[in-house]
Amino acid sequence: MNHSIRLTINGAPREVELDDPRVTLLDLLRERLELTGTKKGCDRGQCGACTILVDGRRVLSCLSLALSFDGAEILTIEGLARGGELHPVQAAFIAHDGFQCGYCTPGQIMSAVGLIAEAQAGGDPERVREGMSGNLCRCGAYAGITEAVIEAHGTIAAEREKAA
């Protein structure tokens, strides 16, 4: 039995037919919609490589059934930059060498965007590390990641203040 779901993915409305109700959001994005920036790491929700934003909240897409997100707004790494300009988190990751091999980077960046939006970490390195603890980096780029999140938080806060 086919199921039809409607999603807004990176700002674009999509209607998708699912022939299997067990399709994960990760597999839908990567295999059906060819959005391969979101990575399949452990496929068990332990590494965070598959982190995306759903309705503004961080979600491990490997553990999430696509069918349960009918009507949701999804943001992946492909939709983060605007008009050719990197998102402040992306720019900060580059500036602080927040990656080495890069495999975990899309999930790290999406988690950082979600963490900053949740306004729970601020500029406190300990709170940033705690807030990002669900995202693993096998290369050990944690110092750069923490610095990048703190810088991006400051940049985003300054942009909000300027706009207000």
N, C-alpha and C. Protein backbone atom coordinates (compact mmCIF):
# COMPACT_ATOMS: atom_id res chain seq x y z
N MET A 1 0.83 -1.18 0.00
CA MET A 1 0.00 0.00 0.00
C MET A 1 0.88 1.24 0.00
N ASN A 2 0.65 2.15 -0.92
CA ASN A 2 1.41 3.38 -1.00
C ASN A 2 0.85 4.45 -0.08
N HIS A 3 1.75 5.27 0.41
CA HIS A 3 1.38 6.39 1.27
C HIS A 3 1.96 7.65 0.65
N SER A 4 1.19 8.69 0.59
CA SER A 4 1.64 9.96 0.05
C SER A 4 1.88 10.93 1.21
N ILE A 5 3.05 11.57 1.20
CA ILE A 5 3.33 12.58 2.22
C ILE A 5 3.77 13.87 1.52
N ARG A 6 3.49 14.96 2.19
CA ARG A 6 3.90 16.28 1.71
C ARG A 6 4.91 16.85 2.69
N LEU A 7 5.99 17.33 2.13
CA LEU A 7 7.07 17.91 2.92
C LEU A 7 7.51 19.20 2.27
N THR A 8 8.05 20.10 3.07
CA THR A 8 8.77 21.24 2.52
C THR A 8 10.23 20.98 2.83
N ILE A 9 11.01 20.79 1.78
CA ILE A 9 12.42 20.44 1.96
C ILE A 9 13.27 21.56 1.41
N ASN A 10 14.04 22.19 2.29
CA ASN A 10 14.90 23.31 1.92
C ASN A 10 14.12 24.40 1.19
N GLY A 11 12.90 24.62 1.67
CA GLY A 11 12.05 25.68 1.15
C GLY A 11 11.18 25.30 -0.03
N ALA A 12 11.36 24.10 -0.55
CA ALA A 12 10.58 23.68 -1.72
C ALA A 12 9.55 22.63 -1.33
N PRO A 13 8.29 22.84 -1.70
CA PRO A 13 7.26 21.84 -1.40
C PRO A 13 7.49 20.58 -2.24
N ARG A 14 7.32 19.42 -1.59
CA ARG A 14 7.50 18.14 -2.28
C ARG A 14 6.37 17.20 -1.86
N GLU A 15 5.90 16.43 -2.81
CA GLU A 15 4.97 15.35 -2.50
C GLU A 15 5.65 14.05 -2.88
N VAL A 16 5.70 13.12 -1.95
CA VAL A 16 6.45 11.88 -2.15
C VAL A 16 5.54 10.69 -1.89
N GLU A 17 5.62 9.71 -2.77
CA GLU A 17 4.91 8.45 -2.58
C GLU A 17 5.85 7.46 -1.91
N LEU A 18 5.41 6.90 -0.82
CA LEU A 18 6.20 5.88 -0.12
C LEU A 18 5.55 4.53 -0.34
N ASP A 19 6.30 3.58 -0.88
CA ASP A 19 5.76 2.25 -1.08
C ASP A 19 5.98 1.34 0.13
N ASP A 20 6.75 1.85 1.08
CA ASP A 20 7.03 1.10 2.31
C ASP A 20 6.93 2.06 3.49
N PRO A 21 6.07 1.80 4.45
CA PRO A 21 5.92 2.73 5.59
C PRO A 21 7.13 2.75 6.52
N ARG A 22 8.09 1.86 6.30
CA ARG A 22 9.28 1.79 7.15
C ARG A 22 10.46 2.60 6.63
N VAL A 23 10.27 3.36 5.56
CA VAL A 23 11.35 4.16 4.99
C VAL A 23 11.72 5.26 5.99
N THR A 24 13.01 5.35 6.29
CA THR A 24 13.46 6.40 7.20
C THR A 24 13.58 7.72 6.45
N LEU A 25 13.55 8.78 7.20
CA LEU A 25 13.73 10.11 6.63
C LEU A 25 15.10 10.20 5.95
N LEU A 26 16.11 9.60 6.55
CA LEU A 26 17.45 9.59 5.97
C LEU A 26 17.45 8.91 4.60
N ASP A 27 16.87 7.73 4.51
CA ASP A 27 16.85 7.03 3.23
C ASP A 27 16.01 7.75 2.19
N LEU A 28 14.93 8.37 2.62
CA LEU A 28 14.12 9.17 1.69
C LEU A 28 14.96 10.31 1.11
N LEU A 29 15.65 11.03 1.98
CA LEU A 29 16.47 12.16 1.53
C LEU A 29 17.59 11.71 0.61
N ARG A 30 18.34 10.70 1.00
CA ARG A 30 19.52 10.28 0.25
C ARG A 30 19.17 9.49 -1.01
N GLU A 31 18.30 8.51 -0.87
CA GLU A 31 18.07 7.58 -1.97
C GLU A 31 16.98 8.00 -2.93
N ARG A 32 15.94 8.61 -2.43
CA ARG A 32 14.83 9.01 -3.30
C ARG A 32 14.96 10.44 -3.81
N LEU A 33 15.41 11.35 -2.94
CA LEU A 33 15.46 12.76 -3.31
C LEU A 33 16.86 13.24 -3.68
N GLU A 34 17.84 12.34 -3.60
CA GLU A 34 19.23 12.60 -3.97
C GLU A 34 19.85 13.78 -3.23
N LEU A 35 19.46 13.96 -1.99
CA LEU A 35 20.07 14.94 -1.10
C LEU A 35 21.09 14.19 -0.25
N THR A 36 22.28 14.01 -0.78
CA THR A 36 23.27 13.13 -0.16
C THR A 36 24.19 13.83 0.83
N GLY A 37 23.94 15.09 1.12
CA GLY A 37 24.76 15.78 2.12
C GLY A 37 24.56 15.22 3.51
N THR A 38 23.35 14.77 3.81
CA THR A 38 23.07 14.14 5.10
C THR A 38 23.68 12.75 5.06
N LYS A 39 24.53 12.43 6.01
CA LYS A 39 25.30 11.18 5.96
C LYS A 39 24.68 10.07 6.79
N LYS A 40 24.89 8.85 6.32
CA LYS A 40 24.51 7.66 7.07
C LYS A 40 25.77 7.16 7.73
N GLY A 41 25.85 7.37 9.04
CA GLY A 41 27.02 6.94 9.79
C GLY A 41 26.77 5.58 10.42
N CYS A 42 26.23 5.58 11.60
CA CYS A 42 26.01 4.34 12.35
C CYS A 42 24.67 3.69 12.01
N ASP A 43 23.71 4.46 11.52
CA ASP A 43 22.35 4.01 11.22
C ASP A 43 21.64 3.50 12.48
N ARG A 44 22.08 4.00 13.65
CA ARG A 44 21.49 3.61 14.94
C ARG A 44 21.24 4.80 15.85
N GLY A 45 21.41 6.01 15.35
CA GLY A 45 21.17 7.20 16.16
C GLY A 45 22.23 7.49 17.19
N GLN A 46 23.44 6.96 17.00
CA GLN A 46 24.48 7.15 17.99
C GLN A 46 25.56 8.14 17.58
N CYS A 47 25.67 8.46 16.29
CA CYS A 47 26.80 9.29 15.85
C CYS A 47 26.42 10.71 15.48
N GLY A 48 25.18 10.97 15.08
CA GLY A 48 24.74 12.30 14.74
C GLY A 48 25.04 12.75 13.32
N ALA A 49 25.66 11.90 12.50
CA ALA A 49 26.00 12.28 11.13
C ALA A 49 24.75 12.59 10.29
N CYS A 50 23.62 12.05 10.69
CA CYS A 50 22.37 12.21 9.94
C CYS A 50 21.50 13.35 10.46
N THR A 51 22.04 14.21 11.30
CA THR A 51 21.24 15.29 11.91
C THR A 51 20.74 16.28 10.86
N ILE A 52 19.45 16.55 10.92
CA ILE A 52 18.80 17.56 10.09
C ILE A 52 17.90 18.38 11.01
N LEU A 53 17.29 19.41 10.46
CA LEU A 53 16.31 20.17 11.23
C LEU A 53 14.92 19.89 10.67
N VAL A 54 14.01 19.54 11.56
CA VAL A 54 12.61 19.33 11.19
C VAL A 54 11.79 20.31 12.03
N ASP A 55 11.10 21.20 11.34
CA ASP A 55 10.34 22.26 12.01
C ASP A 55 11.21 23.00 13.02
N GLY A 56 12.48 23.20 12.63
CA GLY A 56 13.42 23.96 13.44
C GLY A 56 14.10 23.21 14.56
N ARG A 57 13.79 21.92 14.70
CA ARG A 57 14.39 21.13 15.80
C ARG A 57 15.32 20.07 15.24
N ARG A 58 16.37 19.78 15.99
CA ARG A 58 17.33 18.76 15.57
C ARG A 58 16.70 17.37 15.62
N VAL A 59 16.91 16.61 14.55
CA VAL A 59 16.34 15.27 14.44
C VAL A 59 17.40 14.35 13.85
N LEU A 60 17.50 13.15 14.41
CA LEU A 60 18.35 12.11 13.84
C LEU A 60 17.52 11.40 12.77
N SER A 61 17.83 11.69 11.52
CA SER A 61 16.98 11.20 10.44
C SER A 61 17.06 9.69 10.24
N CYS A 62 18.10 9.03 10.73
CA CYS A 62 18.20 7.58 10.58
C CYS A 62 17.21 6.85 11.48
N LEU A 63 16.73 7.51 12.52
CA LEU A 63 15.79 6.89 13.46
C LEU A 63 14.35 7.33 13.22
N SER A 64 14.13 8.17 12.22
CA SER A 64 12.84 8.80 12.02
C SER A 64 12.14 8.24 10.78
N LEU A 65 10.95 7.74 10.96
CA LEU A 65 10.18 7.24 9.83
C LEU A 65 9.64 8.42 9.03
N ALA A 66 9.88 8.42 7.74
CA ALA A 66 9.45 9.52 6.88
C ALA A 66 7.96 9.77 6.97
N LEU A 67 7.20 8.70 7.07
CA LEU A 67 5.74 8.78 7.11
C LEU A 67 5.24 9.65 8.26
N SER A 68 5.98 9.69 9.35
CA SER A 68 5.54 10.45 10.52
C SER A 68 5.80 11.95 10.39
N PHE A 69 6.37 12.39 9.28
CA PHE A 69 6.69 13.82 9.12
C PHE A 69 5.85 14.48 8.03
N ASP A 70 4.71 13.91 7.72
CA ASP A 70 3.81 14.51 6.74
C ASP A 70 3.51 15.95 7.15
N GLY A 71 3.74 16.89 6.25
CA GLY A 71 3.47 18.30 6.51
C GLY A 71 4.63 19.05 7.15
N ALA A 72 5.73 18.39 7.44
CA ALA A 72 6.85 19.01 8.13
C ALA A 72 7.71 19.86 7.20
N GLU A 73 8.43 20.79 7.81
CA GLU A 73 9.42 21.59 7.11
C GLU A 73 10.79 21.06 7.48
N ILE A 74 11.53 20.64 6.47
CA ILE A 74 12.82 19.99 6.68
C ILE A 74 13.93 20.85 6.10
N LEU A 75 14.99 21.01 6.87
CA LEU A 75 16.17 21.73 6.40
C LEU A 75 17.36 20.79 6.48
N THR A 76 18.03 20.61 5.33
CA THR A 76 19.24 19.80 5.27
C THR A 76 20.43 20.71 4.98
N ILE A 77 21.60 20.15 5.00
CA ILE A 77 22.82 20.93 4.74
C ILE A 77 22.76 21.60 3.38
N GLU A 78 22.09 20.98 2.41
CA GLU A 78 22.00 21.56 1.07
C GLU A 78 21.21 22.86 1.05
N GLY A 79 20.32 23.05 2.01
CA GLY A 79 19.47 24.23 2.03
C GLY A 79 19.93 25.32 2.97
N LEU A 80 21.11 25.17 3.56
CA LEU A 80 21.54 26.10 4.60
C LEU A 80 22.08 27.42 4.04
N ALA A 81 22.93 27.36 3.03
CA ALA A 81 23.47 28.59 2.44
C ALA A 81 22.36 29.32 1.70
N ARG A 82 22.44 30.62 1.66
CA ARG A 82 21.41 31.44 1.00
C ARG A 82 22.05 32.33 -0.05
N GLY A 83 21.55 32.21 -1.28
CA GLY A 83 22.03 33.08 -2.35
C GLY A 83 23.52 33.01 -2.57
N GLY A 84 24.11 31.86 -2.42
CA GLY A 84 25.55 31.71 -2.62
C GLY A 84 26.39 32.14 -1.43
N GLU A 85 25.75 32.59 -0.37
CA GLU A 85 26.48 33.01 0.83
C GLU A 85 26.35 31.94 1.90
N LEU A 86 27.48 31.53 2.45
CA LEU A 86 27.47 30.51 3.48
C LEU A 86 26.71 30.98 4.71
N HIS A 87 26.07 30.05 5.37
CA HIS A 87 25.45 30.32 6.67
C HIS A 87 26.59 30.63 7.66
N PRO A 88 26.37 31.46 8.67
CA PRO A 88 27.42 31.78 9.63
C PRO A 88 28.07 30.55 10.27
N VAL A 89 27.30 29.48 10.48
CA VAL A 89 27.90 28.26 11.05
C VAL A 89 28.85 27.62 10.05
N GLN A 90 28.46 27.57 8.80
CA GLN A 90 29.36 27.01 7.78
C GLN A 90 30.65 27.81 7.69
N ALA A 91 30.52 29.13 7.66
CA ALA A 91 31.70 30.00 7.58
C ALA A 91 32.60 29.83 8.80
N ALA A 92 32.00 29.70 9.96
CA ALA A 92 32.79 29.53 11.19
C ALA A 92 33.50 28.18 11.22
N PHE A 93 32.87 27.13 10.70
CA PHE A 93 33.52 25.82 10.63
C PHE A 93 34.77 25.90 9.76
N ILE A 94 34.69 26.64 8.67
CA ILE A 94 35.86 26.80 7.80
C ILE A 94 36.93 27.61 8.53
N ALA A 95 36.54 28.71 9.14
CA ALA A 95 37.50 29.60 9.82
C ALA A 95 38.22 28.92 10.98
N HIS A 96 37.55 27.98 11.64
CA HIS A 96 38.13 27.34 12.83
C HIS A 96 38.55 25.89 12.59
N ASP A 97 38.64 25.49 11.34
CA ASP A 97 39.01 24.10 11.02
C ASP A 97 38.17 23.12 11.83
N GLY A 98 36.85 23.30 11.77
CA GLY A 98 35.93 22.45 12.52
C GLY A 98 35.67 21.11 11.86
N PHE A 99 36.57 20.68 11.01
CA PHE A 99 36.41 19.39 10.34
C PHE A 99 37.78 18.90 9.90
N GLN A 100 37.88 17.60 9.71
CA GLN A 100 39.09 17.04 9.13
C GLN A 100 38.68 16.20 7.92
N CYS A 101 38.18 14.99 8.15
CA CYS A 101 37.78 14.18 7.00
C CYS A 101 36.49 14.71 6.39
N GLY A 102 35.65 15.36 7.21
CA GLY A 102 34.43 15.98 6.72
C GLY A 102 33.19 15.12 6.74
N TYR A 103 33.32 13.84 7.08
CA TYR A 103 32.16 12.97 7.02
C TYR A 103 31.06 13.40 8.01
N CYS A 104 31.45 13.78 9.20
CA CYS A 104 30.47 14.17 10.22
C CYS A 104 30.03 15.62 10.08
N THR A 105 30.71 16.39 9.23
CA THR A 105 30.52 17.83 9.17
C THR A 105 29.08 18.26 8.89
N PRO A 106 28.37 17.68 7.92
CA PRO A 106 26.99 18.12 7.71
C PRO A 106 26.12 17.96 8.97
N GLY A 107 26.25 16.84 9.65
CA GLY A 107 25.49 16.63 10.88
C GLY A 107 25.93 17.57 11.99
N GLN A 108 27.23 17.81 12.08
CA GLN A 108 27.75 18.75 13.09
C GLN A 108 27.19 20.16 12.83
N ILE A 109 27.23 20.58 11.58
CA ILE A 109 26.76 21.92 11.24
C ILE A 109 25.26 22.05 11.51
N MET A 110 24.48 21.07 11.09
CA MET A 110 23.03 21.15 11.32
C MET A 110 22.72 21.13 12.81
N SER A 111 23.45 20.34 13.57
CA SER A 111 23.25 20.31 15.01
C SER A 111 23.60 21.66 15.63
N ALA A 112 24.68 22.27 15.14
CA ALA A 112 25.09 23.58 15.66
C ALA A 112 24.04 24.64 15.34
N VAL A 113 23.48 24.61 14.13
CA VAL A 113 22.43 25.56 13.77
C VAL A 113 21.23 25.39 14.71
N GLY A 114 20.86 24.14 14.98
CA GLY A 114 19.75 23.88 15.89
C GLY A 114 20.06 24.32 17.31
N LEU A 115 21.27 24.05 17.77
CA LEU A 115 21.68 24.43 19.12
C LEU A 115 21.63 25.94 19.28
N ILE A 116 22.14 26.67 18.30
CA ILE A 116 22.13 28.13 18.38
C ILE A 116 20.69 28.64 18.39
N ALA A 117 19.83 28.05 17.57
CA ALA A 117 18.42 28.47 17.53
C ALA A 117 17.72 28.20 18.86
N GLU A 118 18.14 27.13 19.54
CA GLU A 118 17.55 26.80 20.84
C GLU A 118 18.01 27.78 21.92
N ALA A 119 19.06 28.55 21.63
CA ALA A 119 19.60 29.57 22.53
C ALA A 119 19.94 29.01 23.91
N GLN A 120 20.55 27.83 23.91
CA GLN A 120 20.89 27.21 25.18
C GLN A 120 22.39 27.23 25.49
N ALA A 121 23.23 27.46 24.47
CA ALA A 121 24.66 27.34 24.71
C ALA A 121 25.37 28.68 24.86
N GLY A 122 24.94 29.66 24.09
CA GLY A 122 25.62 30.95 24.15
C GLY A 122 27.09 30.83 23.84
N GLY A 123 27.89 31.58 24.52
CA GLY A 123 29.33 31.55 24.30
C GLY A 123 30.08 30.68 25.28
N ASP A 124 29.39 29.84 26.02
CA ASP A 124 30.01 28.99 27.03
C ASP A 124 30.50 27.69 26.40
N PRO A 125 31.82 27.49 26.33
CA PRO A 125 32.36 26.28 25.69
C PRO A 125 31.82 24.98 26.29
N GLU A 126 31.65 24.94 27.59
CA GLU A 126 31.15 23.72 28.24
C GLU A 126 29.73 23.41 27.79
N ARG A 127 28.90 24.43 27.71
CA ARG A 127 27.52 24.22 27.27
C ARG A 127 27.46 23.85 25.79
N VAL A 128 28.36 24.41 24.99
CA VAL A 128 28.42 24.04 23.57
C VAL A 128 28.81 22.57 23.45
N ARG A 129 29.83 22.15 24.17
CA ARG A 129 30.25 20.74 24.11
C ARG A 129 29.12 19.81 24.55
N GLU A 130 28.41 20.20 25.61
CA GLU A 130 27.28 19.40 26.07
C GLU A 130 26.16 19.36 25.02
N GLY A 131 25.85 20.50 24.44
CA GLY A 131 24.79 20.58 23.44
C GLY A 131 25.11 19.86 22.15
N MET A 132 26.39 19.70 21.86
CA MET A 132 26.84 19.02 20.64
C MET A 132 27.26 17.58 20.91
N SER A 133 27.06 17.10 22.12
CA SER A 133 27.59 15.78 22.51
C SER A 133 26.98 14.61 21.74
N GLY A 134 25.87 14.80 21.08
CA GLY A 134 25.27 13.73 20.29
C GLY A 134 25.89 13.58 18.92
N ASN A 135 26.84 14.45 18.59
CA ASN A 135 27.51 14.40 17.29
C ASN A 135 28.96 14.00 17.49
N LEU A 136 29.31 12.85 16.95
CA LEU A 136 30.66 12.33 17.12
C LEU A 136 31.54 12.68 15.93
N CYS A 137 32.81 12.93 16.23
CA CYS A 137 33.82 13.19 15.21
C CYS A 137 34.96 12.21 15.44
N ARG A 138 35.11 11.28 14.53
CA ARG A 138 36.16 10.27 14.69
C ARG A 138 37.56 10.87 14.55
N CYS A 139 37.66 12.02 13.88
CA CYS A 139 38.96 12.67 13.70
C CYS A 139 39.37 13.50 14.91
N GLY A 140 38.42 13.83 15.76
CA GLY A 140 38.72 14.59 16.97
C GLY A 140 38.84 16.08 16.76
N ALA A 141 38.04 16.64 15.87
CA ALA A 141 38.09 18.08 15.60
C ALA A 141 37.24 18.89 16.57
N TYR A 142 37.05 18.38 17.77
CA TYR A 142 36.13 18.99 18.73
C TYR A 142 36.50 20.41 19.12
N ALA A 143 37.77 20.72 19.26
CA ALA A 143 38.16 22.08 19.66
C ALA A 143 37.72 23.08 18.59
N GLY A 144 37.97 22.77 17.33
CA GLY A 144 37.56 23.65 16.25
C GLY A 144 36.06 23.77 16.13
N ILE A 145 35.37 22.66 16.37
CA ILE A 145 33.91 22.66 16.31
C ILE A 145 33.35 23.57 17.40
N THR A 146 33.86 23.45 18.60
CA THR A 146 33.39 24.28 19.72
C THR A 146 33.64 25.75 19.43
N GLU A 147 34.84 26.08 18.95
CA GLU A 147 35.16 27.47 18.62
C GLU A 147 34.24 27.99 17.52
N ALA A 148 33.96 27.15 16.52
CA ALA A 148 33.09 27.55 15.41
C ALA A 148 31.68 27.85 15.89
N VAL A 149 31.15 27.00 16.77
CA VAL A 149 29.79 27.20 17.28
C VAL A 149 29.72 28.50 18.09
N ILE A 150 30.73 28.75 18.91
CA ILE A 150 30.75 29.98 19.71
C ILE A 150 30.81 31.21 18.81
N GLU A 151 31.68 31.17 17.79
CA GLU A 151 31.77 32.31 16.87
C GLU A 151 30.46 32.51 16.11
N ALA A 152 29.89 31.43 15.60
CA ALA A 152 28.65 31.54 14.83
C ALA A 152 27.52 32.06 15.70
N HIS A 153 27.49 31.63 16.96
CA HIS A 153 26.47 32.13 17.88
C HIS A 153 26.58 33.65 18.00
N GLY A 154 27.80 34.15 18.16
CA GLY A 154 28.01 35.59 18.27
C GLY A 154 27.61 36.32 17.00
N THR A 155 27.94 35.75 15.85
CA THR A 155 27.59 36.36 14.57
C THR A 155 26.09 36.43 14.38
N ILE A 156 25.42 35.33 14.68
CA ILE A 156 23.96 35.28 14.52
C ILE A 156 23.27 36.22 15.50
N ALA A 157 23.77 36.26 16.74
CA ALA A 157 23.19 37.18 17.74
C ALA A 157 23.35 38.63 17.30
N ALA A 158 24.52 38.96 16.74
CA ALA A 158 24.75 40.33 16.28
C ALA A 158 23.84 40.67 15.09
N GLU A 159 23.63 39.69 14.20
CA GLU A 159 22.73 39.91 13.06
C GLU A 159 21.29 40.14 13.53
N ARG A 160 20.86 39.36 14.53
CA ARG A 160 19.51 39.54 15.07
C ARG A 160 19.36 40.90 15.72
N GLU A 161 20.37 41.29 16.48
CA GLU A 161 20.32 42.59 17.17
C GLU A 161 20.29 43.74 16.17
N LYS A 162 21.06 43.60 15.11
CA LYS A 162 21.11 44.62 14.07
C LYS A 162 19.77 44.74 13.35
N ALA A 163 19.12 43.61 13.13
CA ALA A 163 17.82 43.60 12.43
C ALA A 163 16.69 44.13 13.28
N ALA A 164 16.86 44.07 14.60
CA ALA A 164 15.78 44.50 15.51
C ALA A 164 15.67 45.97 15.68
